[in-house]
Amino acid sequence: IAEAPSIKFTWKDENKRKDVNVGTIAQY
């Protein structure tokens, strides 16, 4: 759990909100 990447991101899709989101990476 501690090794999981913690990231801030904005969606590239035009239909998504432009604010900053916080999450983790599905690939991990």
mmCIF file of all heavy atoms, coordinates in Angstrom:
data_MODEL
# 
_entry.id   MODEL 
# 
loop_
_atom_site.group_PDB 
_atom_site.id 
_atom_site.type_symbol 
_atom_site.label_atom_id 
_atom_site.label_alt_id 
_atom_site.label_comp_id 
_atom_site.label_asym_id 
_atom_site.label_entity_id 
_atom_site.label_seq_id 
_atom_site.pdbx_PDB_ins_code 
_atom_site.Cartn_x 
_atom_site.Cartn_y 
_atom_site.Cartn_z 
_atom_site.occupancy 
_atom_site.B_iso_or_equiv 
_atom_site.pdbx_formal_charge 
_atom_site.auth_seq_id 
_atom_site.auth_comp_id 
_atom_site.auth_asym_id 
_atom_site.auth_atom_id 
_atom_site.pdbx_PDB_model_num 
ATOM 1   N N   . ILE A 1 1  ? 0.841   -1.198 0.000   1.00 0.00 ? 1  ILE A N   1 
ATOM 2   C CA  . ILE A 1 1  ? 0.000   0.000  0.000   1.00 0.00 ? 1  ILE A CA  1 
ATOM 3   C C   . ILE A 1 1  ? 0.878   1.251  0.000   1.00 0.00 ? 1  ILE A C   1 
ATOM 4   O O   . ILE A 1 1  ? 0.646   2.197  -0.754  1.00 0.00 ? 1  ILE A O   1 
ATOM 5   C CB  . ILE A 1 1  ? -0.966  -0.023 1.196   1.00 0.00 ? 1  ILE A CB  1 
ATOM 6   C CG1 . ILE A 1 1  ? -1.928  -1.215 1.053   1.00 0.00 ? 1  ILE A CG1 1 
ATOM 7   C CG2 . ILE A 1 1  ? -1.732  1.290  1.311   1.00 0.00 ? 1  ILE A CG2 1 
ATOM 8   C CD1 . ILE A 1 1  ? -2.718  -1.535 2.299   1.00 0.00 ? 1  ILE A CD1 1 
ATOM 9   N N   . ALA A 1 2  ? 1.926   1.241  0.826   1.00 0.00 ? 2  ALA A N   1 
ATOM 10  C CA  . ALA A 1 2  ? 2.811   2.404  0.924   1.00 0.00 ? 2  ALA A CA  1 
ATOM 11  C C   . ALA A 1 2  ? 3.607   2.644  -0.357  1.00 0.00 ? 2  ALA A C   1 
ATOM 12  O O   . ALA A 1 2  ? 3.936   3.791  -0.676  1.00 0.00 ? 2  ALA A O   1 
ATOM 13  C CB  . ALA A 1 2  ? 3.766   2.236  2.109   1.00 0.00 ? 2  ALA A CB  1 
ATOM 14  N N   . GLU A 1 3  ? 3.910   1.585  -1.099  1.00 0.00 ? 3  GLU A N   1 
ATOM 15  C CA  . GLU A 1 3  ? 4.687   1.716  -2.332  1.00 0.00 ? 3  GLU A CA  1 
ATOM 16  C C   . GLU A 1 3  ? 3.843   2.171  -3.520  1.00 0.00 ? 3  GLU A C   1 
ATOM 17  O O   . GLU A 1 3  ? 4.384   2.521  -4.573  1.00 0.00 ? 3  GLU A O   1 
ATOM 18  C CB  . GLU A 1 3  ? 5.363   0.383  -2.671  1.00 0.00 ? 3  GLU A CB  1 
ATOM 19  C CG  . GLU A 1 3  ? 6.488   0.036  -1.733  1.00 0.00 ? 3  GLU A CG  1 
ATOM 20  C CD  . GLU A 1 3  ? 7.040   -1.369 -1.940  1.00 0.00 ? 3  GLU A CD  1 
ATOM 21  O OE1 . GLU A 1 3  ? 6.581   -2.074 -2.872  1.00 0.00 ? 3  GLU A OE1 1 
ATOM 22  O OE2 . GLU A 1 3  ? 7.925   -1.765 -1.162  1.00 0.00 ? 3  GLU A OE2 1 
ATOM 23  N N   . ALA A 1 4  ? 2.536   2.208  -3.366  1.00 0.00 ? 4  ALA A N   1 
ATOM 24  C CA  . ALA A 1 4  ? 1.664   2.619  -4.464  1.00 0.00 ? 4  ALA A CA  1 
ATOM 25  C C   . ALA A 1 4  ? 1.935   4.074  -4.831  1.00 0.00 ? 4  ALA A C   1 
ATOM 26  O O   . ALA A 1 4  ? 2.033   4.929  -3.953  1.00 0.00 ? 4  ALA A O   1 
ATOM 27  C CB  . ALA A 1 4  ? 0.203   2.447  -4.073  1.00 0.00 ? 4  ALA A CB  1 
ATOM 28  N N   . PRO A 1 5  ? 2.054   4.357  -6.116  1.00 0.00 ? 5  PRO A N   1 
ATOM 29  C CA  . PRO A 1 5  ? 2.254   5.741  -6.524  1.00 0.00 ? 5  PRO A CA  1 
ATOM 30  C C   . PRO A 1 5  ? 1.041   6.591  -6.157  1.00 0.00 ? 5  PRO A C   1 
ATOM 31  O O   . PRO A 1 5  ? -0.089  6.170  -6.320  1.00 0.00 ? 5  PRO A O   1 
ATOM 32  C CB  . PRO A 1 5  ? 2.385   5.653  -8.052  1.00 0.00 ? 5  PRO A CB  1 
ATOM 33  C CG  . PRO A 1 5  ? 2.692   4.222  -8.339  1.00 0.00 ? 5  PRO A CG  1 
ATOM 34  C CD  . PRO A 1 5  ? 2.064   3.431  -7.246  1.00 0.00 ? 5  PRO A CD  1 
ATOM 35  N N   . SER A 1 6  ? 1.306   7.775  -5.651  1.00 0.00 ? 6  SER A N   1 
ATOM 36  C CA  . SER A 1 6  ? 0.256   8.743  -5.350  1.00 0.00 ? 6  SER A CA  1 
ATOM 37  C C   . SER A 1 6  ? 0.478   9.923  -6.287  1.00 0.00 ? 6  SER A C   1 
ATOM 38  O O   . SER A 1 6  ? 1.560   10.517 -6.284  1.00 0.00 ? 6  SER A O   1 
ATOM 39  C CB  . SER A 1 6  ? 0.363   9.177  -3.887  1.00 0.00 ? 6  SER A CB  1 
ATOM 40  O OG  . SER A 1 6  ? -0.620  10.121 -3.601  1.00 0.00 ? 6  SER A OG  1 
ATOM 41  N N   . ILE A 1 7  ? -0.526  10.227 -7.108  1.00 0.00 ? 7  ILE A N   1 
ATOM 42  C CA  . ILE A 1 7  ? -0.314  11.223 -8.157  1.00 0.00 ? 7  ILE A CA  1 
ATOM 43  C C   . ILE A 1 7  ? -1.421  12.280 -8.165  1.00 0.00 ? 7  ILE A C   1 
ATOM 44  O O   . ILE A 1 7  ? -2.517  12.058 -7.684  1.00 0.00 ? 7  ILE A O   1 
ATOM 45  C CB  . ILE A 1 7  ? -0.254  10.547 -9.547  1.00 0.00 ? 7  ILE A CB  1 
ATOM 46  C CG1 . ILE A 1 7  ? -1.550  9.787  -9.826  1.00 0.00 ? 7  ILE A CG1 1 
ATOM 47  C CG2 . ILE A 1 7  ? 0.953   9.643  -9.660  1.00 0.00 ? 7  ILE A CG2 1 
ATOM 48  C CD1 . ILE A 1 7  ? -1.717  9.346  -11.259 1.00 0.00 ? 7  ILE A CD1 1 
ATOM 49  N N   . LYS A 1 8  ? -1.074  13.433 -8.720  1.00 0.00 ? 8  LYS A N   1 
ATOM 50  C CA  . LYS A 1 8  ? -2.044  14.473 -9.052  1.00 0.00 ? 8  LYS A CA  1 
ATOM 51  C C   . LYS A 1 8  ? -2.135  14.491 -10.580 1.00 0.00 ? 8  LYS A C   1 
ATOM 52  O O   . LYS A 1 8  ? -1.125  14.353 -11.264 1.00 0.00 ? 8  LYS A O   1 
ATOM 53  C CB  . LYS A 1 8  ? -1.571  15.844 -8.575  1.00 0.00 ? 8  LYS A CB  1 
ATOM 54  C CG  . LYS A 1 8  ? -1.548  16.011 -7.086  1.00 0.00 ? 8  LYS A CG  1 
ATOM 55  C CD  . LYS A 1 8  ? -1.101  17.417 -6.746  1.00 0.00 ? 8  LYS A CD  1 
ATOM 56  C CE  . LYS A 1 8  ? -0.993  17.602 -5.253  1.00 0.00 ? 8  LYS A CE  1 
ATOM 57  N NZ  . LYS A 1 8  ? -0.546  18.966 -4.906  1.00 0.00 ? 8  LYS A NZ  1 
ATOM 58  N N   . PHE A 1 9  ? -3.353  14.673 -11.103 1.00 0.00 ? 9  PHE A N   1 
ATOM 59  C CA  . PHE A 1 9  ? -3.507  14.679 -12.558 1.00 0.00 ? 9  PHE A CA  1 
ATOM 60  C C   . PHE A 1 9  ? -4.738  15.474 -12.974 1.00 0.00 ? 9  PHE A C   1 
ATOM 61  O O   . PHE A 1 9  ? -5.623  15.731 -12.175 1.00 0.00 ? 9  PHE A O   1 
ATOM 62  C CB  . PHE A 1 9  ? -3.608  13.248 -13.098 1.00 0.00 ? 9  PHE A CB  1 
ATOM 63  C CG  . PHE A 1 9  ? -4.828  12.497 -12.610 1.00 0.00 ? 9  PHE A CG  1 
ATOM 64  C CD1 . PHE A 1 9  ? -5.988  12.472 -13.365 1.00 0.00 ? 9  PHE A CD1 1 
ATOM 65  C CD2 . PHE A 1 9  ? -4.813  11.821 -11.396 1.00 0.00 ? 9  PHE A CD2 1 
ATOM 66  C CE1 . PHE A 1 9  ? -7.111  11.791 -12.921 1.00 0.00 ? 9  PHE A CE1 1 
ATOM 67  C CE2 . PHE A 1 9  ? -5.926  11.128 -10.942 1.00 0.00 ? 9  PHE A CE2 1 
ATOM 68  C CZ  . PHE A 1 9  ? -7.087  11.122 -11.706 1.00 0.00 ? 9  PHE A CZ  1 
ATOM 69  N N   . THR A 1 10 ? -4.747  15.871 -14.230 1.00 0.00 ? 10 THR A N   1 
ATOM 70  C CA  . THR A 1 10 ? -5.936  16.439 -14.855 1.00 0.00 ? 10 THR A CA  1 
ATOM 71  C C   . THR A 1 10 ? -6.283  15.541 -16.036 1.00 0.00 ? 10 THR A C   1 
ATOM 72  O O   . THR A 1 10 ? -5.398  14.963 -16.676 1.00 0.00 ? 10 THR A O   1 
ATOM 73  C CB  . THR A 1 10 ? -5.716  17.887 -15.347 1.00 0.00 ? 10 THR A CB  1 
ATOM 74  O OG1 . THR A 1 10 ? -4.578  17.904 -16.189 1.00 0.00 ? 10 THR A OG1 1 
ATOM 75  C CG2 . THR A 1 10 ? -5.504  18.831 -14.195 1.00 0.00 ? 10 THR A CG2 1 
ATOM 76  N N   . TRP A 1 11 ? -7.567  15.402 -16.318 1.00 0.00 ? 11 TRP A N   1 
ATOM 77  C CA  . TRP A 1 11 ? -8.010  14.554 -17.419 1.00 0.00 ? 11 TRP A CA  1 
ATOM 78  C C   . TRP A 1 11 ? -7.638  15.166 -18.758 1.00 0.00 ? 11 TRP A C   1 
ATOM 79  O O   . TRP A 1 11 ? -7.744  16.369 -18.958 1.00 0.00 ? 11 TRP A O   1 
ATOM 80  C CB  . TRP A 1 11 ? -9.518  14.350 -17.349 1.00 0.00 ? 11 TRP A CB  1 
ATOM 81  C CG  . TRP A 1 11 ? -9.956  13.573 -16.163 1.00 0.00 ? 11 TRP A CG  1 
ATOM 82  C CD1 . TRP A 1 11 ? -10.558 14.054 -15.040 1.00 0.00 ? 11 TRP A CD1 1 
ATOM 83  C CD2 . TRP A 1 11 ? -9.818  12.163 -15.956 1.00 0.00 ? 11 TRP A CD2 1 
ATOM 84  N NE1 . TRP A 1 11 ? -10.807 13.038 -14.157 1.00 0.00 ? 11 TRP A NE1 1 
ATOM 85  C CE2 . TRP A 1 11 ? -10.364 11.866 -14.693 1.00 0.00 ? 11 TRP A CE2 1 
ATOM 86  C CE3 . TRP A 1 11 ? -9.296  11.125 -16.723 1.00 0.00 ? 11 TRP A CE3 1 
ATOM 87  C CZ2 . TRP A 1 11 ? -10.400 10.580 -14.172 1.00 0.00 ? 11 TRP A CZ2 1 
ATOM 88  C CZ3 . TRP A 1 11 ? -9.325  9.842  -16.207 1.00 0.00 ? 11 TRP A CZ3 1 
ATOM 89  C CH2 . TRP A 1 11 ? -9.873  9.583  -14.951 1.00 0.00 ? 11 TRP A CH2 1 
ATOM 90  N N   . LYS A 1 12 ? -7.215  14.333 -19.704 1.00 0.00 ? 12 LYS A N   1 
ATOM 91  C CA  . LYS A 1 12 ? -6.911  14.798 -21.058 1.00 0.00 ? 12 LYS A CA  1 
ATOM 92  C C   . LYS A 1 12 ? -8.189  14.915 -21.890 1.00 0.00 ? 12 LYS A C   1 
ATOM 93  O O   . LYS A 1 12 ? -8.262  15.688 -22.823 1.00 0.00 ? 12 LYS A O   1 
ATOM 94  C CB  . LYS A 1 12 ? -5.946  13.828 -21.746 1.00 0.00 ? 12 LYS A CB  1 
ATOM 95  C CG  . LYS A 1 12 ? -4.560  13.826 -21.148 1.00 0.00 ? 12 LYS A CG  1 
ATOM 96  C CD  . LYS A 1 12 ? -3.665  12.868 -21.902 1.00 0.00 ? 12 LYS A CD  1 
ATOM 97  C CE  . LYS A 1 12 ? -2.284  12.828 -21.288 1.00 0.00 ? 12 LYS A CE  1 
ATOM 98  N NZ  . LYS A 1 12 ? -1.404  11.876 -21.982 1.00 0.00 ? 12 LYS A NZ  1 
ATOM 99  N N   . ASP A 1 13 ? -9.192  14.153 -21.558 1.00 0.00 ? 13 ASP A N   1 
ATOM 100 C CA  . ASP A 1 13 ? -10.459 14.147 -22.276 1.00 0.00 ? 13 ASP A CA  1 
ATOM 101 C C   . ASP A 1 13 ? -11.157 15.498 -22.124 1.00 0.00 ? 13 ASP A C   1 
ATOM 102 O O   . ASP A 1 13 ? -11.310 16.009 -21.021 1.00 0.00 ? 13 ASP A O   1 
ATOM 103 C CB  . ASP A 1 13 ? -11.337 13.020 -21.712 1.00 0.00 ? 13 ASP A CB  1 
ATOM 104 C CG  . ASP A 1 13 ? -12.614 12.823 -22.478 1.00 0.00 ? 13 ASP A CG  1 
ATOM 105 O OD1 . ASP A 1 13 ? -13.026 13.727 -23.230 1.00 0.00 ? 13 ASP A OD1 1 
ATOM 106 O OD2 . ASP A 1 13 ? -13.223 11.751 -22.324 1.00 0.00 ? 13 ASP A OD2 1 
ATOM 107 N N   . GLU A 1 14 ? -11.611 16.076 -23.208 1.00 0.00 ? 14 GLU A N   1 
ATOM 108 C CA  . GLU A 1 14 ? -12.254 17.390 -23.178 1.00 0.00 ? 14 GLU A CA  1 
ATOM 109 C C   . GLU A 1 14 ? -13.532 17.398 -22.351 1.00 0.00 ? 14 GLU A C   1 
ATOM 110 O O   . GLU A 1 14 ? -13.926 18.432 -21.815 1.00 0.00 ? 14 GLU A O   1 
ATOM 111 C CB  . GLU A 1 14 ? -12.583 17.842 -24.602 1.00 0.00 ? 14 GLU A CB  1 
ATOM 112 C CG  . GLU A 1 14 ? -11.362 18.147 -25.426 1.00 0.00 ? 14 GLU A CG  1 
ATOM 113 C CD  . GLU A 1 14 ? -11.743 18.525 -26.855 1.00 0.00 ? 14 GLU A CD  1 
ATOM 114 O OE1 . GLU A 1 14 ? -12.930 18.749 -27.128 1.00 0.00 ? 14 GLU A OE1 1 
ATOM 115 O OE2 . GLU A 1 14 ? -10.828 18.579 -27.674 1.00 0.00 ? 14 GLU A OE2 1 
ATOM 116 N N   . ASN A 1 15 ? -14.223 16.267 -22.249 1.00 0.00 ? 15 ASN A N   1 
ATOM 117 C CA  . ASN A 1 15 ? -15.492 16.202 -21.532 1.00 0.00 ? 15 ASN A CA  1 
ATOM 118 C C   . ASN A 1 15 ? -15.320 16.081 -20.024 1.00 0.00 ? 15 ASN A C   1 
ATOM 119 O O   . ASN A 1 15 ? -16.272 16.207 -19.282 1.00 0.00 ? 15 ASN A O   1 
ATOM 120 C CB  . ASN A 1 15 ? -16.332 15.024 -22.046 1.00 0.00 ? 15 ASN A CB  1 
ATOM 121 C CG  . ASN A 1 15 ? -16.667 15.204 -23.508 1.00 0.00 ? 15 ASN A CG  1 
ATOM 122 O OD1 . ASN A 1 15 ? -16.920 16.298 -23.968 1.00 0.00 ? 15 ASN A OD1 1 
ATOM 123 N ND2 . ASN A 1 15 ? -16.653 14.103 -24.242 1.00 0.00 ? 15 ASN A ND2 1 
ATOM 124 N N   . LYS A 1 16 ? -14.118 15.795 -19.588 1.00 0.00 ? 16 LYS A N   1 
ATOM 125 C CA  . LYS A 1 16 ? -13.861 15.654 -18.152 1.00 0.00 ? 16 LYS A CA  1 
ATOM 126 C C   . LYS A 1 16 ? -13.577 17.025 -17.550 1.00 0.00 ? 16 LYS A C   1 
ATOM 127 O O   . LYS A 1 16 ? -13.179 17.962 -18.235 1.00 0.00 ? 16 LYS A O   1 
ATOM 128 C CB  . LYS A 1 16 ? -12.657 14.732 -17.897 1.00 0.00 ? 16 LYS A CB  1 
ATOM 129 C CG  . LYS A 1 16 ? -12.809 13.347 -18.456 1.00 0.00 ? 16 LYS A CG  1 
ATOM 130 C CD  . LYS A 1 16 ? -13.673 12.502 -17.572 1.00 0.00 ? 16 LYS A CD  1 
ATOM 131 C CE  . LYS A 1 16 ? -13.706 11.068 -18.124 1.00 0.00 ? 16 LYS A CE  1 
ATOM 132 N NZ  . LYS A 1 16 ? -14.474 10.180 -17.338 1.00 0.00 ? 16 LYS A NZ  1 
ATOM 133 N N   . ARG A 1 17 ? -13.750 17.105 -16.241 1.00 0.00 ? 17 ARG A N   1 
ATOM 134 C CA  . ARG A 1 17 ? -13.459 18.361 -15.545 1.00 0.00 ? 17 ARG A CA  1 
ATOM 135 C C   . ARG A 1 17 ? -11.975 18.691 -15.633 1.00 0.00 ? 17 ARG A C   1 
ATOM 136 O O   . ARG A 1 17 ? -11.138 17.809 -15.697 1.00 0.00 ? 17 ARG A O   1 
ATOM 137 C CB  . ARG A 1 17 ? -13.890 18.233 -14.095 1.00 0.00 ? 17 ARG A CB  1 
ATOM 138 C CG  . ARG A 1 17 ? -15.405 18.095 -13.971 1.00 0.00 ? 17 ARG A CG  1 
ATOM 139 C CD  . ARG A 1 17 ? -15.841 17.783 -12.587 1.00 0.00 ? 17 ARG A CD  1 
ATOM 140 N NE  . ARG A 1 17 ? -15.294 18.728 -11.638 1.00 0.00 ? 17 ARG A NE  1 
ATOM 141 C CZ  . ARG A 1 17 ? -15.443 18.610 -10.338 1.00 0.00 ? 17 ARG A CZ  1 
ATOM 142 N NH1 . ARG A 1 17 ? -16.102 17.596 -9.828  1.00 0.00 ? 17 ARG A NH1 1 
ATOM 143 N NH2 . ARG A 1 17 ? -14.921 19.496 -9.520  1.00 0.00 ? 17 ARG A NH2 1 
ATOM 144 N N   . LYS A 1 18 ? -11.670 19.964 -15.618 1.00 0.00 ? 18 LYS A N   1 
ATOM 145 C CA  . LYS A 1 18 ? -10.284 20.424 -15.770 1.00 0.00 ? 18 LYS A CA  1 
ATOM 146 C C   . LYS A 1 18 ? -9.552  20.599 -14.439 1.00 0.00 ? 18 LYS A C   1 
ATOM 147 O O   . LYS A 1 18 ? -8.377  20.921 -14.429 1.00 0.00 ? 18 LYS A O   1 
ATOM 148 C CB  . LYS A 1 18 ? -10.248 21.754 -16.537 1.00 0.00 ? 18 LYS A CB  1 
ATOM 149 C CG  . LYS A 1 18 ? -10.840 21.669 -17.922 1.00 0.00 ? 18 LYS A CG  1 
ATOM 150 C CD  . LYS A 1 18 ? -9.991  20.817 -18.832 1.00 0.00 ? 18 LYS A CD  1 
ATOM 151 C CE  . LYS A 1 18 ? -10.595 20.771 -20.222 1.00 0.00 ? 18 LYS A CE  1 
ATOM 152 N NZ  . LYS A 1 18 ? -10.000 19.789 -21.070 1.00 0.00 ? 18 LYS A NZ  1 
ATOM 153 N N   . ASP A 1 19 ? -10.242 20.383 -13.321 1.00 0.00 ? 19 ASP A N   1 
ATOM 154 C CA  . ASP A 1 19 ? -9.576  20.574 -12.034 1.00 0.00 ? 19 ASP A CA  1 
ATOM 155 C C   . ASP A 1 19 ? -8.604  19.425 -11.754 1.00 0.00 ? 19 ASP A C   1 
ATOM 156 O O   . ASP A 1 19 ? -8.626  18.390 -12.403 1.00 0.00 ? 19 ASP A O   1 
ATOM 157 C CB  . ASP A 1 19 ? -10.589 20.726 -10.896 1.00 0.00 ? 19 ASP A CB  1 
ATOM 158 C CG  . ASP A 1 19 ? -11.605 19.600 -10.840 1.00 0.00 ? 19 ASP A CG  1 
ATOM 159 O OD1 . ASP A 1 19 ? -11.764 18.887 -11.841 1.00 0.00 ? 19 ASP A OD1 1 
ATOM 160 O OD2 . ASP A 1 19 ? -12.242 19.446 -9.791  1.00 0.00 ? 19 ASP A OD2 1 
ATOM 161 N N   . VAL A 1 20 ? -7.755  19.636 -10.791 1.00 0.00 ? 20 VAL A N   1 
ATOM 162 C CA  . VAL A 1 20 ? -6.733  18.649 -10.433 1.00 0.00 ? 20 VAL A CA  1 
ATOM 163 C C   . VAL A 1 20 ? -7.374  17.525 -9.624  1.00 0.00 ? 20 VAL A C   1 
ATOM 164 O O   . VAL A 1 20 ? -8.158  17.771 -8.712  1.00 0.00 ? 20 VAL A O   1 
ATOM 165 C CB  . VAL A 1 20 ? -5.591  19.311 -9.632  1.00 0.00 ? 20 VAL A CB  1 
ATOM 166 C CG1 . VAL A 1 20 ? -4.584  18.272 -9.170  1.00 0.00 ? 20 VAL A CG1 1 
ATOM 167 C CG2 . VAL A 1 20 ? -4.910  20.383 -10.481 1.00 0.00 ? 20 VAL A CG2 1 
ATOM 168 N N   . ASN A 1 21 ? -7.056  16.314 -9.983  1.00 0.00 ? 21 ASN A N   1 
ATOM 169 C CA  . ASN A 1 21 ? -7.525  15.122 -9.284  1.00 0.00 ? 21 ASN A CA  1 
ATOM 170 C C   . ASN A 1 21 ? -6.353  14.466 -8.573  1.00 0.00 ? 21 ASN A C   1 
ATOM 171 O O   . ASN A 1 21 ? -5.193  14.704 -8.911  1.00 0.00 ? 21 ASN A O   1 
ATOM 172 C CB  . ASN A 1 21 ? -8.124  14.125 -10.277 1.00 0.00 ? 21 ASN A CB  1 
ATOM 173 C CG  . ASN A 1 21 ? -9.353  14.662 -10.961 1.00 0.00 ? 21 ASN A CG  1 
ATOM 174 O OD1 . ASN A 1 21 ? -10.436 14.559 -10.427 1.00 0.00 ? 21 ASN A OD1 1 
ATOM 175 N ND2 . ASN A 1 21 ? -9.181  15.258 -12.132 1.00 0.00 ? 21 ASN A ND2 1 
ATOM 176 N N   . VAL A 1 22 ? -6.654  13.630 -7.605  1.00 0.00 ? 22 VAL A N   1 
ATOM 177 C CA  . VAL A 1 22 ? -5.628  12.884 -6.876  1.00 0.00 ? 22 VAL A CA  1 
ATOM 178 C C   . VAL A 1 22 ? -5.988  11.410 -6.960  1.00 0.00 ? 22 VAL A C   1 
ATOM 179 O O   . VAL A 1 22 ? -7.151  11.039 -6.853  1.00 0.00 ? 22 VAL A O   1 
ATOM 180 C CB  . VAL A 1 22 ? -5.556  13.331 -5.399  1.00 0.00 ? 22 VAL A CB  1 
ATOM 181 C CG1 . VAL A 1 22 ? -4.555  12.483 -4.627  1.00 0.00 ? 22 VAL A CG1 1 
ATOM 182 C CG2 . VAL A 1 22 ? -5.195  14.804 -5.310  1.00 0.00 ? 22 VAL A CG2 1 
ATOM 183 N N   . GLY A 1 23 ? -4.984  10.580 -7.170  1.00 0.00 ? 23 GLY A N   1 
ATOM 184 C CA  . GLY A 1 23 ? -5.256  9.149  -7.274  1.00 0.00 ? 23 GLY A CA  1 
ATOM 185 C C   . GLY A 1 23 ? -3.995  8.334  -7.251  1.00 0.00 ? 23 GLY A C   1 
ATOM 186 O O   . GLY A 1 23 ? -2.960  8.746  -6.719  1.00 0.00 ? 23 GLY A O   1 
ATOM 187 N N   . THR A 1 24 ? -4.092  7.170  -7.857  1.00 0.00 ? 24 THR A N   1 
ATOM 188 C CA  . THR A 1 24 ? -2.959  6.262  -7.960  1.00 0.00 ? 24 THR A CA  1 
ATOM 189 C C   . THR A 1 24 ? -2.966  5.686  -9.371  1.00 0.00 ? 24 THR A C   1 
ATOM 190 O O   . THR A 1 24 ? -3.807  6.052  -10.189 1.00 0.00 ? 24 THR A O   1 
ATOM 191 C CB  . THR A 1 24 ? -3.017  5.170  -6.865  1.00 0.00 ? 24 THR A CB  1 
ATOM 192 O OG1 . THR A 1 24 ? -1.817  4.386  -6.919  1.00 0.00 ? 24 THR A OG1 1 
ATOM 193 C CG2 . THR A 1 24 ? -4.228  4.289  -6.989  1.00 0.00 ? 24 THR A CG2 1 
ATOM 194 N N   . ILE A 1 25 ? -2.049  4.789  -9.667  1.00 0.00 ? 25 ILE A N   1 
ATOM 195 C CA  . ILE A 1 25 ? -1.859  4.306  -11.031 1.00 0.00 ? 25 ILE A CA  1 
ATOM 196 C C   . ILE A 1 25 ? -2.376  2.880  -11.174 1.00 0.00 ? 25 ILE A C   1 
ATOM 197 O O   . ILE A 1 25 ? -1.946  1.979  -10.441 1.00 0.00 ? 25 ILE A O   1 
ATOM 198 C CB  . ILE A 1 25 ? -0.369  4.395  -11.406 1.00 0.00 ? 25 ILE A CB  1 
ATOM 199 C CG1 . ILE A 1 25 ? 0.079   5.857  -11.377 1.00 0.00 ? 25 ILE A CG1 1 
ATOM 200 C CG2 . ILE A 1 25 ? -0.104  3.773  -12.769 1.00 0.00 ? 25 ILE A CG2 1 
ATOM 201 C CD1 . ILE A 1 25 ? 1.552   6.063  -11.590 1.00 0.00 ? 25 ILE A CD1 1 
ATOM 202 N N   . ALA A 1 26 ? -3.285  2.682  -12.116 1.00 0.00 ? 26 ALA A N   1 
ATOM 203 C CA  . ALA A 1 26 ? -3.881  1.359  -12.342 1.00 0.00 ? 26 ALA A CA  1 
ATOM 204 C C   . ALA A 1 26 ? -2.822  0.315  -12.683 1.00 0.00 ? 26 ALA A C   1 
ATOM 205 O O   . ALA A 1 26 ? -2.936  -0.845 -12.271 1.00 0.00 ? 26 ALA A O   1 
ATOM 206 C CB  . ALA A 1 26 ? -4.930  1.439  -13.442 1.00 0.00 ? 26 ALA A CB  1 
ATOM 207 N N   . GLN A 1 27 ? -1.775  0.708  -13.402 1.00 0.00 ? 27 GLN A N   1 
ATOM 208 C CA  . GLN A 1 27 ? -0.738  -0.248 -13.790 1.00 0.00 ? 27 GLN A CA  1 
ATOM 209 C C   . GLN A 1 27 ? -0.061  -0.871 -12.564 1.00 0.00 ? 27 GLN A C   1 
ATOM 210 O O   . GLN A 1 27 ? 0.288   -2.052 -12.575 1.00 0.00 ? 27 GLN A O   1 
ATOM 211 C CB  . GLN A 1 27 ? 0.320   0.411  -14.695 1.00 0.00 ? 27 GLN A CB  1 
ATOM 212 C CG  . GLN A 1 27 ? -0.183  0.743  -16.076 1.00 0.00 ? 27 GLN A CG  1 
ATOM 213 C CD  . GLN A 1 27 ? -0.920  2.064  -16.163 1.00 0.00 ? 27 GLN A CD  1 
ATOM 214 O OE1 . GLN A 1 27 ? -1.312  2.672  -15.159 1.00 0.00 ? 27 GLN A OE1 1 
ATOM 215 N NE2 . GLN A 1 27 ? -1.136  2.538  -17.386 1.00 0.00 ? 27 GLN A NE2 1 
ATOM 216 N N   . TYR A 1 28 ? 0.135   -0.076 -11.517 1.00 0.00 ? 28 TYR A N   1 
ATOM 217 C CA  . TYR A 1 28 ? 0.722   -0.618 -10.288 1.00 0.00 ? 28 TYR A CA  1 
ATOM 218 C C   . TYR A 1 28 ? -0.217  -1.652 -9.680  1.00 0.00 ? 28 TYR A C   1 
ATOM 219 O O   . TYR A 1 28 ? 0.202   -2.762 -9.326  1.00 0.00 ? 28 TYR A O   1 
ATOM 220 C CB  . TYR A 1 28 ? 0.990   0.512  -9.278  1.00 0.00 ? 28 TYR A CB  1 
ATOM 221 C CG  . TYR A 1 28 ? 1.439   -0.012 -7.937  1.00 0.00 ? 28 TYR A CG  1 
ATOM 222 C CD1 . TYR A 1 28 ? 2.756   -0.381 -7.717  1.00 0.00 ? 28 TYR A CD1 1 
ATOM 223 C CD2 . TYR A 1 28 ? 0.532   -0.175 -6.886  1.00 0.00 ? 28 TYR A CD2 1 
ATOM 224 C CE1 . TYR A 1 28 ? 3.170   -0.892 -6.503  1.00 0.00 ? 28 TYR A CE1 1 
ATOM 225 C CE2 . TYR A 1 28 ? 0.931   -0.680 -5.666  1.00 0.00 ? 28 TYR A CE2 1 
ATOM 226 C CZ  . TYR A 1 28 ? 2.255   -1.038 -5.471  1.00 0.00 ? 28 TYR A CZ  1 
ATOM 227 O OH  . TYR A 1 28 ? 2.656   -1.561 -4.261  1.00 0.00 ? 28 TYR A OH  1 
# 
